[in-house]
């Protein structure tokens, strides 16, 4: 997903840098579809990230109350999964925000 989003953002930046839109309506429609796709992806990853965060917090509380090697292992595993999820969600969030700015720029170019 990371490669796909970065490639799409780069392609749109290239189109915006050229300033020439051959079919602005089709491009705007395609861009809105991509925004919707990445918004859905962002929502799913938000839910997964929150779930892993709540689970890690719960296991952390269990560790504070009664230390257990099994709970420590589970906590470490949850953190190993949570940290990459946070970075991926960060990419998705910032990518979608950039897509909003690109959409606004496309609107300006298409109406000129």
N, C-alpha and C. Protein backbone atom coordinates (compact mmCIF):
# COMPACT_ATOMS: atom_id res chain seq x y z
N UNK A 1 0.82 -1.19 0.00
CA UNK A 1 0.00 0.00 0.00
C UNK A 1 0.87 1.26 0.00
N UNK A 2 2.00 1.19 0.71
CA UNK A 2 2.88 2.34 0.78
C UNK A 2 3.39 2.71 -0.61
N UNK A 3 3.86 1.71 -1.35
CA UNK A 3 4.37 1.97 -2.70
C UNK A 3 3.28 2.54 -3.60
N UNK A 4 2.09 1.99 -3.48
CA UNK A 4 0.98 2.43 -4.33
C UNK A 4 0.62 3.89 -4.04
N UNK A 5 0.53 4.23 -2.77
CA UNK A 5 0.17 5.60 -2.42
C UNK A 5 1.26 6.58 -2.86
N UNK A 6 2.51 6.25 -2.56
CA UNK A 6 3.60 7.15 -2.93
C UNK A 6 3.70 7.32 -4.45
N UNK A 7 3.49 6.24 -5.20
CA UNK A 7 3.52 6.33 -6.66
C UNK A 7 2.37 7.21 -7.17
N UNK A 8 1.19 7.05 -6.60
CA UNK A 8 0.04 7.85 -7.02
C UNK A 8 0.26 9.33 -6.70
N UNK A 9 0.75 9.62 -5.50
CA UNK A 9 1.00 11.01 -5.13
C UNK A 9 2.04 11.64 -6.05
N UNK A 10 3.07 10.88 -6.39
CA UNK A 10 4.11 11.38 -7.30
C UNK A 10 3.53 11.65 -8.69
N UNK A 11 2.66 10.74 -9.17
CA UNK A 11 2.04 10.93 -10.48
C UNK A 11 1.18 12.20 -10.49
N UNK A 12 0.40 12.38 -9.43
CA UNK A 12 -0.46 13.57 -9.38
C UNK A 12 0.37 14.84 -9.25
N UNK A 13 1.46 14.79 -8.51
CA UNK A 13 2.34 15.96 -8.42
C UNK A 13 2.90 16.31 -9.80
N UNK A 14 3.23 15.29 -10.59
CA UNK A 14 3.72 15.52 -11.95
C UNK A 14 2.67 16.17 -12.83
N UNK A 15 1.44 15.70 -12.71
CA UNK A 15 0.34 16.29 -13.50
C UNK A 15 0.12 17.74 -13.08
N UNK A 16 0.15 17.99 -11.79
CA UNK A 16 -0.06 19.36 -11.30
C UNK A 16 1.10 20.27 -11.68
N UNK A 17 2.31 19.74 -11.70
CA UNK A 17 3.47 20.55 -12.07
C UNK A 17 3.42 20.95 -13.54
N UNK A 18 2.90 20.05 -14.38
CA UNK A 18 2.80 20.38 -15.80
C UNK A 18 1.73 21.44 -16.05
N UNK A 19 0.68 21.43 -15.23
CA UNK A 19 -0.38 22.42 -15.36
C UNK A 19 -1.31 22.20 -16.54
N UNK A 20 -1.12 21.12 -17.27
CA UNK A 20 -1.96 20.84 -18.43
C UNK A 20 -2.85 19.63 -18.15
N UNK A 21 -4.14 19.86 -18.20
CA UNK A 21 -5.09 18.78 -17.99
C UNK A 21 -5.81 18.51 -19.30
N UNK A 22 -5.66 17.29 -19.80
CA UNK A 22 -6.32 16.95 -21.07
C UNK A 22 -7.82 16.74 -20.87
N UNK A 23 -8.17 16.06 -19.81
CA UNK A 23 -9.58 15.82 -19.50
C UNK A 23 -9.78 16.06 -18.00
N UNK A 24 -10.02 17.32 -17.62
CA UNK A 24 -10.07 17.64 -16.19
C UNK A 24 -11.19 16.92 -15.44
N UNK A 25 -12.34 16.74 -16.08
CA UNK A 25 -13.44 16.07 -15.38
C UNK A 25 -13.11 14.62 -15.06
N UNK A 26 -12.51 13.93 -16.02
CA UNK A 26 -12.13 12.53 -15.79
C UNK A 26 -11.05 12.44 -14.72
N UNK A 27 -10.10 13.36 -14.75
CA UNK A 27 -9.02 13.35 -13.75
C UNK A 27 -9.56 13.64 -12.36
N UNK A 28 -10.47 14.60 -12.26
CA UNK A 28 -11.09 14.90 -10.96
C UNK A 28 -11.88 13.71 -10.44
N UNK A 29 -12.60 13.05 -11.32
CA UNK A 29 -13.38 11.89 -10.93
C UNK A 29 -12.47 10.75 -10.46
N UNK A 30 -11.39 10.51 -11.21
CA UNK A 30 -10.45 9.47 -10.83
C UNK A 30 -9.81 9.80 -9.48
N UNK A 31 -9.46 11.07 -9.30
CA UNK A 31 -8.81 11.47 -8.05
C UNK A 31 -9.76 11.29 -6.86
N UNK A 32 -11.03 11.63 -7.04
CA UNK A 32 -12.00 11.41 -5.96
C UNK A 32 -12.15 9.94 -5.62
N UNK A 33 -12.11 9.08 -6.64
CA UNK A 33 -12.18 7.64 -6.38
C UNK A 33 -10.97 7.16 -5.58
N UNK A 34 -9.80 7.67 -5.94
CA UNK A 34 -8.59 7.30 -5.21
C UNK A 34 -8.64 7.81 -3.77
N UNK A 35 -9.15 9.02 -3.59
CA UNK A 35 -9.29 9.56 -2.24
C UNK A 35 -10.20 8.66 -1.41
N UNK A 36 -11.33 8.25 -2.00
CA UNK A 36 -12.26 7.38 -1.28
C UNK A 36 -11.61 6.04 -0.93
N UNK A 37 -10.84 5.50 -1.86
CA UNK A 37 -10.15 4.23 -1.61
C UNK A 37 -9.17 4.36 -0.45
N UNK A 38 -8.36 5.41 -0.48
CA UNK A 38 -7.37 5.58 0.58
C UNK A 38 -8.01 6.00 1.90
N UNK A 39 -9.14 6.69 1.86
CA UNK A 39 -9.86 7.01 3.10
C UNK A 39 -10.34 5.73 3.78
N UNK A 40 -10.85 4.81 2.97
CA UNK A 40 -11.30 3.53 3.52
C UNK A 40 -10.13 2.78 4.14
N UNK A 41 -9.03 2.74 3.43
CA UNK A 41 -7.82 2.08 3.94
C UNK A 41 -7.37 2.73 5.25
N UNK A 42 -7.44 4.05 5.28
CA UNK A 42 -7.04 4.79 6.48
C UNK A 42 -7.95 4.43 7.65
N UNK A 43 -9.25 4.34 7.43
CA UNK A 43 -10.19 4.00 8.49
C UNK A 43 -9.91 2.60 9.05
N UNK A 44 -9.69 1.65 8.14
CA UNK A 44 -9.41 0.28 8.59
C UNK A 44 -8.14 0.24 9.44
N UNK A 45 -7.10 0.95 8.98
CA UNK A 45 -5.86 0.93 9.74
C UNK A 45 -5.98 1.70 11.05
N UNK A 46 -6.84 2.70 11.10
CA UNK A 46 -7.08 3.39 12.37
C UNK A 46 -7.70 2.42 13.37
N UNK A 47 -8.68 1.66 12.94
CA UNK A 47 -9.34 0.69 13.82
C UNK A 47 -8.36 -0.38 14.29
N UNK A 48 -7.54 -0.88 13.39
CA UNK A 48 -6.55 -1.90 13.76
C UNK A 48 -5.54 -1.32 14.74
N UNK A 49 -5.06 -0.10 14.46
CA UNK A 49 -4.07 0.54 15.33
C UNK A 49 -4.66 0.78 16.72
N UNK A 50 -5.90 1.26 16.78
CA UNK A 50 -6.54 1.48 18.08
C UNK A 50 -6.73 0.17 18.83
N UNK A 51 -7.10 -0.89 18.12
CA UNK A 51 -7.30 -2.18 18.76
C UNK A 51 -5.99 -2.69 19.37
N UNK A 52 -4.91 -2.60 18.59
CA UNK A 52 -3.62 -3.05 19.12
C UNK A 52 -3.17 -2.14 20.27
N UNK A 53 -3.46 -0.86 20.19
CA UNK A 53 -3.10 0.06 21.27
C UNK A 53 -3.84 -0.26 22.56
N UNK A 54 -5.14 -0.51 22.45
CA UNK A 54 -5.93 -0.85 23.63
C UNK A 54 -5.47 -2.18 24.22
N UNK A 55 -5.19 -3.15 23.36
CA UNK A 55 -4.70 -4.45 23.85
C UNK A 55 -3.36 -4.29 24.55
N UNK A 56 -2.46 -3.50 23.96
CA UNK A 56 -1.15 -3.29 24.58
C UNK A 56 -1.31 -2.56 25.91
N UNK A 57 -2.20 -1.60 25.97
CA UNK A 57 -2.46 -0.89 27.23
C UNK A 57 -3.01 -1.85 28.29
N UNK A 58 -3.93 -2.71 27.90
CA UNK A 58 -4.50 -3.68 28.84
C UNK A 58 -3.45 -4.65 29.37
N UNK A 59 -2.62 -5.16 28.47
CA UNK A 59 -1.57 -6.08 28.91
C UNK A 59 -0.55 -5.33 29.77
N UNK A 60 -0.29 -4.07 29.44
CA UNK A 60 0.62 -3.26 30.27
C UNK A 60 0.08 -3.08 31.67
N UNK A 61 -1.22 -2.88 31.78
CA UNK A 61 -1.84 -2.76 33.11
C UNK A 61 -1.74 -4.07 33.89
N UNK A 62 -1.94 -5.18 33.18
CA UNK A 62 -1.80 -6.49 33.83
C UNK A 62 -0.38 -6.66 34.34
N UNK A 63 0.61 -6.22 33.54
CA UNK A 63 2.01 -6.32 33.98
C UNK A 63 2.27 -5.48 35.22
N UNK A 64 1.62 -4.31 35.30
CA UNK A 64 1.80 -3.45 36.48
C UNK A 64 1.20 -4.08 37.73
N UNK A 65 0.10 -4.78 37.56
CA UNK A 65 -0.58 -5.36 38.71
C UNK A 65 0.04 -6.68 39.16
N UNK A 66 0.38 -7.52 38.20
CA UNK A 66 0.95 -8.83 38.54
C UNK A 66 1.89 -9.23 37.42
N UNK A 67 3.19 -9.16 37.68
CA UNK A 67 4.18 -9.49 36.66
C UNK A 67 4.08 -10.95 36.26
N UNK A 68 4.16 -11.16 34.97
CA UNK A 68 4.14 -12.51 34.43
C UNK A 68 5.02 -12.54 33.18
N UNK A 69 5.89 -13.53 33.04
CA UNK A 69 6.72 -13.60 31.83
C UNK A 69 5.89 -13.73 30.55
N UNK A 70 4.78 -14.45 30.65
CA UNK A 70 3.91 -14.61 29.47
C UNK A 70 3.29 -13.26 29.09
N UNK A 71 2.87 -12.48 30.08
CA UNK A 71 2.29 -11.16 29.80
C UNK A 71 3.35 -10.22 29.23
N UNK A 72 4.57 -10.35 29.71
CA UNK A 72 5.66 -9.53 29.19
C UNK A 72 5.94 -9.86 27.73
N UNK A 73 5.93 -11.15 27.40
CA UNK A 73 6.13 -11.58 26.02
C UNK A 73 4.99 -11.06 25.13
N UNK A 74 3.76 -11.19 25.61
CA UNK A 74 2.61 -10.69 24.86
C UNK A 74 2.70 -9.19 24.65
N UNK A 75 3.10 -8.47 25.68
CA UNK A 75 3.26 -7.01 25.58
C UNK A 75 4.32 -6.65 24.54
N UNK A 76 5.43 -7.37 24.56
CA UNK A 76 6.50 -7.12 23.58
C UNK A 76 6.02 -7.39 22.16
N UNK A 77 5.28 -8.48 21.98
CA UNK A 77 4.74 -8.80 20.65
C UNK A 77 3.75 -7.73 20.18
N UNK A 78 2.89 -7.29 21.07
CA UNK A 78 1.93 -6.25 20.71
C UNK A 78 2.64 -4.95 20.32
N UNK A 79 3.68 -4.60 21.06
CA UNK A 79 4.44 -3.39 20.71
C UNK A 79 5.14 -3.55 19.37
N UNK A 80 5.65 -4.75 19.09
CA UNK A 80 6.31 -5.00 17.81
C UNK A 80 5.34 -4.84 16.64
N UNK A 81 4.09 -5.10 16.87
CA UNK A 81 3.07 -4.90 15.83
C UNK A 81 2.52 -3.48 15.83
N UNK A 82 2.39 -2.90 17.00
CA UNK A 82 1.78 -1.57 17.12
C UNK A 82 2.64 -0.48 16.49
N UNK A 83 3.92 -0.55 16.69
CA UNK A 83 4.80 0.51 16.17
C UNK A 83 4.74 0.60 14.64
N UNK A 84 4.86 -0.51 13.88
CA UNK A 84 4.71 -0.39 12.43
C UNK A 84 3.32 0.07 12.00
N UNK A 85 2.27 -0.34 12.74
CA UNK A 85 0.93 0.13 12.42
C UNK A 85 0.83 1.64 12.58
N UNK A 86 1.45 2.18 13.60
CA UNK A 86 1.41 3.64 13.80
C UNK A 86 2.10 4.35 12.64
N UNK A 87 3.26 3.85 12.23
CA UNK A 87 3.96 4.47 11.10
C UNK A 87 3.15 4.36 9.81
N UNK A 88 2.52 3.22 9.60
CA UNK A 88 1.71 3.04 8.38
C UNK A 88 0.49 3.96 8.41
N UNK A 89 -0.16 4.06 9.56
CA UNK A 89 -1.30 4.96 9.66
C UNK A 89 -0.87 6.41 9.44
N UNK A 90 0.30 6.77 9.94
CA UNK A 90 0.84 8.12 9.74
C UNK A 90 1.00 8.40 8.24
N UNK A 91 1.54 7.43 7.50
CA UNK A 91 1.68 7.59 6.05
C UNK A 91 0.31 7.75 5.39
N UNK A 92 -0.64 6.92 5.75
CA UNK A 92 -1.97 7.01 5.16
C UNK A 92 -2.64 8.35 5.46
N UNK A 93 -2.56 8.78 6.70
CA UNK A 93 -3.18 10.04 7.10
C UNK A 93 -2.58 11.21 6.33
N UNK A 94 -1.26 11.29 6.31
CA UNK A 94 -0.61 12.40 5.60
C UNK A 94 -0.82 12.31 4.10
N UNK A 95 -0.85 11.09 3.56
CA UNK A 95 -1.10 10.92 2.13
C UNK A 95 -2.48 11.39 1.73
N UNK A 96 -3.48 11.05 2.51
CA UNK A 96 -4.85 11.48 2.20
C UNK A 96 -4.97 13.00 2.34
N UNK A 97 -4.31 13.57 3.34
CA UNK A 97 -4.33 15.03 3.48
C UNK A 97 -3.69 15.70 2.26
N UNK A 98 -2.61 15.11 1.76
CA UNK A 98 -1.97 15.65 0.55
C UNK A 98 -2.88 15.50 -0.65
N UNK A 99 -3.63 14.40 -0.72
CA UNK A 99 -4.56 14.20 -1.82
C UNK A 99 -5.66 15.26 -1.80
N UNK A 100 -6.09 15.69 -0.62
CA UNK A 100 -7.07 16.77 -0.52
C UNK A 100 -6.51 18.06 -1.13
N UNK A 101 -5.24 18.35 -0.80
CA UNK A 101 -4.61 19.56 -1.35
C UNK A 101 -4.45 19.44 -2.86
N UNK A 102 -4.12 18.24 -3.35
CA UNK A 102 -4.02 18.03 -4.79
C UNK A 102 -5.37 18.23 -5.46
N UNK A 103 -6.42 17.75 -4.84
CA UNK A 103 -7.76 17.93 -5.40
C UNK A 103 -8.10 19.41 -5.51
N UNK A 104 -7.79 20.17 -4.48
CA UNK A 104 -8.04 21.61 -4.53
C UNK A 104 -7.25 22.27 -5.65
N UNK A 105 -6.01 21.84 -5.83
CA UNK A 105 -5.18 22.39 -6.91
C UNK A 105 -5.74 21.98 -8.28
N UNK A 106 -6.24 20.76 -8.39
CA UNK A 106 -6.86 20.34 -9.65
C UNK A 106 -8.09 21.16 -9.96
N UNK A 107 -8.87 21.47 -8.96
CA UNK A 107 -10.05 22.32 -9.17
C UNK A 107 -9.65 23.70 -9.68
N UNK A 108 -8.60 24.27 -9.11
CA UNK A 108 -8.14 25.59 -9.56
C UNK A 108 -7.68 25.56 -11.01
N UNK A 109 -6.91 24.52 -11.36
CA UNK A 109 -6.39 24.43 -12.72
C UNK A 109 -7.52 24.17 -13.71
N UNK A 110 -8.46 23.32 -13.35
CA UNK A 110 -9.52 22.96 -14.29
C UNK A 110 -10.50 24.11 -14.53
N UNK A 111 -10.63 25.01 -13.60
CA UNK A 111 -11.59 26.11 -13.77
C UNK A 111 -10.98 27.35 -14.39
N UNK A 112 -9.67 27.32 -14.64
CA UNK A 112 -9.01 28.49 -15.25
C UNK A 112 -9.20 28.49 -16.74
